[in-house]
Amino acid sequence: MMLLKRIATSIVLFVFFFVVLYFAIAMVGGFMAGFKHGLMAGASGQDPHDGSGRQIGTDFVKNNILAITLSALVISLILSLGLSFSGILSWCKKPSPPPKT
């Protein structure tokens, strides 16, 4: 029964962590690519507010979709299995033995 609880918990945590990590990696990577483009455009005398940074951020996600997905999969798998099988969560702990009298 304990193994079933741990497996169910790890599946739920995996889905949650995957969604959060996927969007976090995509947003931070797109932001950094667009920000870098804005800095470079401002340094070269171009208008950094022309909207091309948004397109650069979108292209970052399109060009790196496999790396983003694999990173999110691996990290969420490790986190979900680690949390559910470590005993940190109260419903995934082994029951303590009764005290000896």
C-alpha atoms as a PDB file:
ATOM      1  CA  MET A   1       0.000   0.000   0.000  1.00  0.00           C
ATOM      2  CA  MET A   2       2.869   2.356   0.824  1.00  0.00           C
ATOM      3  CA  LEU A   3       4.469   1.738  -2.575  1.00  0.00           C
ATOM      4  CA  LEU A   4       1.201   2.609  -4.311  1.00  0.00           C
ATOM      5  CA  LYS A   5       0.954   5.877  -2.361  1.00  0.00           C
ATOM      6  CA  ARG A   6       4.518   6.773  -3.250  1.00  0.00           C
ATOM      7  CA  ILE A   7       4.047   5.992  -6.942  1.00  0.00           C
ATOM      8  CA  ALA A   8       0.797   7.974  -7.115  1.00  0.00           C
ATOM      9  CA  THR A   9       2.432  10.880  -5.312  1.00  0.00           C
ATOM     10  CA  SER A  10       5.419  10.816  -7.645  1.00  0.00           C
ATOM     11  CA  ILE A  11       3.147  10.848 -10.719  1.00  0.00           C
ATOM     12  CA  VAL A  12       1.200  13.847  -9.443  1.00  0.00           C
ATOM     13  CA  LEU A  13       4.388  15.668  -8.450  1.00  0.00           C
ATOM     14  CA  PHE A  14       5.999  14.835 -11.804  1.00  0.00           C
ATOM     15  CA  VAL A  15       3.166  16.455 -13.753  1.00  0.00           C
ATOM     16  CA  PHE A  16       3.186  19.515 -11.503  1.00  0.00           C
ATOM     17  CA  PHE A  17       6.964  19.954 -11.608  1.00  0.00           C
ATOM     18  CA  PHE A  18       7.110  19.374 -15.370  1.00  0.00           C
ATOM     19  CA  VAL A  19       4.556  22.089 -16.124  1.00  0.00           C
ATOM     20  CA  VAL A  20       6.185  24.571 -13.744  1.00  0.00           C
ATOM     21  CA  LEU A  21       9.730  23.874 -14.919  1.00  0.00           C
ATOM     22  CA  TYR A  22       8.832  23.885 -18.612  1.00  0.00           C
ATOM     23  CA  PHE A  23       7.232  27.316 -18.416  1.00  0.00           C
ATOM     24  CA  ALA A  24       9.946  28.657 -16.100  1.00  0.00           C
ATOM     25  CA  ILE A  25      12.788  27.564 -18.378  1.00  0.00           C
ATOM     26  CA  ALA A  26      10.988  28.872 -21.471  1.00  0.00           C
ATOM     27  CA  MET A  27      10.192  32.232 -19.858  1.00  0.00           C
ATOM     28  CA  VAL A  28      13.654  32.796 -18.398  1.00  0.00           C
ATOM     29  CA  GLY A  29      15.412  31.695 -21.589  1.00  0.00           C
ATOM     30  CA  GLY A  30      13.173  33.837 -23.796  1.00  0.00           C
ATOM     31  CA  PHE A  31      13.610  36.785 -21.463  1.00  0.00           C
ATOM     32  CA  MET A  32      17.386  36.466 -21.478  1.00  0.00           C
ATOM     33  CA  ALA A  33      17.560  36.166 -25.274  1.00  0.00           C
ATOM     34  CA  GLY A  34      15.297  39.198 -25.757  1.00  0.00           C
ATOM     35  CA  PHE A  35      17.114  41.176 -23.074  1.00  0.00           C
ATOM     36  CA  LYS A  36      20.490  40.423 -24.644  1.00  0.00           C
ATOM     37  CA  HIS A  37      19.166  41.532 -28.028  1.00  0.00           C
ATOM     38  CA  GLY A  38      17.843  44.752 -26.490  1.00  0.00           C
ATOM     39  CA  LEU A  39      21.216  45.501 -24.919  1.00  0.00           C
ATOM     40  CA  MET A  40      23.059  44.815 -28.143  1.00  0.00           C
ATOM     41  CA  ALA A  41      20.621  46.919 -30.169  1.00  0.00           C
ATOM     42  CA  GLY A  42      20.942  49.819 -27.734  1.00  0.00           C
ATOM     43  CA  ALA A  43      24.733  49.605 -27.812  1.00  0.00           C
ATOM     44  CA  SER A  44      24.827  49.650 -31.613  1.00  0.00           C
ATOM     45  CA  GLY A  45      22.584  52.703 -31.899  1.00  0.00           C
ATOM     46  CA  GLN A  46      19.411  50.901 -33.008  1.00  0.00           C
ATOM     47  CA  ASP A  47      16.053  51.355 -31.324  1.00  0.00           C
ATOM     48  CA  PRO A  48      15.897  48.704 -28.576  1.00  0.00           C
ATOM     49  CA  HIS A  49      12.110  49.168 -28.286  1.00  0.00           C
ATOM     50  CA  ASP A  50      11.214  48.123 -31.829  1.00  0.00           C
ATOM     51  CA  GLY A  51       9.664  44.824 -30.715  1.00  0.00           C
ATOM     52  CA  SER A  52      12.282  42.567 -32.253  1.00  0.00           C
ATOM     53  CA  GLY A  53      13.329  41.367 -28.780  1.00  0.00           C
ATOM     54  CA  ARG A  54       9.953  39.674 -28.387  1.00  0.00           C
ATOM     55  CA  GLN A  55      10.487  37.817 -31.650  1.00  0.00           C
ATOM     56  CA  ILE A  56      13.987  36.810 -30.556  1.00  0.00           C
ATOM     57  CA  GLY A  57      12.543  35.400 -27.307  1.00  0.00           C
ATOM     58  CA  THR A  58       9.921  33.455 -29.226  1.00  0.00           C
ATOM     59  CA  ASP A  59      12.560  32.102 -31.584  1.00  0.00           C
ATOM     60  CA  PHE A  60      14.643  30.987 -28.608  1.00  0.00           C
ATOM     61  CA  VAL A  61      11.822  28.757 -27.410  1.00  0.00           C
ATOM     62  CA  LYS A  62      11.130  27.419 -30.916  1.00  0.00           C
ATOM     63  CA  ASN A  63      14.794  26.636 -31.545  1.00  0.00           C
ATOM     64  CA  ASN A  64      15.435  25.035 -28.152  1.00  0.00           C
ATOM     65  CA  ILE A  65      12.146  23.199 -27.569  1.00  0.00           C
ATOM     66  CA  LEU A  66      13.837  19.791 -27.315  1.00  0.00           C
ATOM     67  CA  ALA A  67      16.417  20.945 -24.773  1.00  0.00           C
ATOM     68  CA  ILE A  68      13.744  22.725 -22.722  1.00  0.00           C
ATOM     69  CA  THR A  69      11.488  19.662 -22.730  1.00  0.00           C
ATOM     70  CA  LEU A  70      14.260  17.188 -21.869  1.00  0.00           C
ATOM     71  CA  SER A  71      15.579  19.426 -19.089  1.00  0.00           C
ATOM     72  CA  ALA A  72      12.122  19.796 -17.590  1.00  0.00           C
ATOM     73  CA  LEU A  73      11.501  16.029 -17.874  1.00  0.00           C
ATOM     74  CA  VAL A  74      14.734  14.996 -16.181  1.00  0.00           C
ATOM     75  CA  ILE A  75      14.609  17.585 -13.399  1.00  0.00           C
ATOM     76  CA  SER A  76      10.941  16.921 -12.632  1.00  0.00           C
ATOM     77  CA  LEU A  77      11.525  13.156 -12.615  1.00  0.00           C
ATOM     78  CA  ILE A  78      14.382  13.473 -10.133  1.00  0.00           C
ATOM     79  CA  LEU A  79      12.461  15.899  -7.917  1.00  0.00           C
ATOM     80  CA  SER A  80       9.240  13.883  -7.883  1.00  0.00           C
ATOM     81  CA  LEU A  81      10.931  10.561  -7.123  1.00  0.00           C
ATOM     82  CA  GLY A  82      13.163  12.173  -4.540  1.00  0.00           C
ATOM     83  CA  LEU A  83      10.283  13.788  -2.700  1.00  0.00           C
ATOM     84  CA  SER A  84       7.938  10.830  -2.769  1.00  0.00           C
ATOM     85  CA  PHE A  85      10.479   8.155  -1.766  1.00  0.00           C
ATOM     86  CA  SER A  86      12.500  10.158   0.767  1.00  0.00           C
ATOM     87  CA  GLY A  87       9.820  10.238   3.438  1.00  0.00           C
ATOM     88  CA  ILE A  88       9.627  14.018   3.615  1.00  0.00           C
ATOM     89  CA  LEU A  89       5.919  13.983   2.857  1.00  0.00           C
ATOM     90  CA  SER A  90       3.863  12.740   5.788  1.00  0.00           C
ATOM     91  CA  TRP A  91       1.718  10.262   3.834  1.00  0.00           C
ATOM     92  CA  CYS A  92       4.813   8.690   2.246  1.00  0.00           C
ATOM     93  CA  LYS A  93       6.560   7.846   5.523  1.00  0.00           C
ATOM     94  CA  LYS A  94       6.812   4.313   6.758  1.00  0.00           C
ATOM     95  CA  PRO A  95       4.702   3.829   9.858  1.00  0.00           C
ATOM     96  CA  SER A  96       6.761   3.840  13.007  1.00  0.00           C
ATOM     97  CA  PRO A  97       6.844   0.590  14.986  1.00  0.00           C
ATOM     98  CA  PRO A  98       4.716   0.488  18.103  1.00  0.00           C
ATOM     99  CA  PRO A  99       6.570   1.176  21.337  1.00  0.00           C
ATOM    100  CA  LYS A 100       7.745  -1.850  23.277  1.00  0.00           C
ATOM    101  CA  THR A 101       6.234  -2.240  26.705  1.00  0.00           C
END
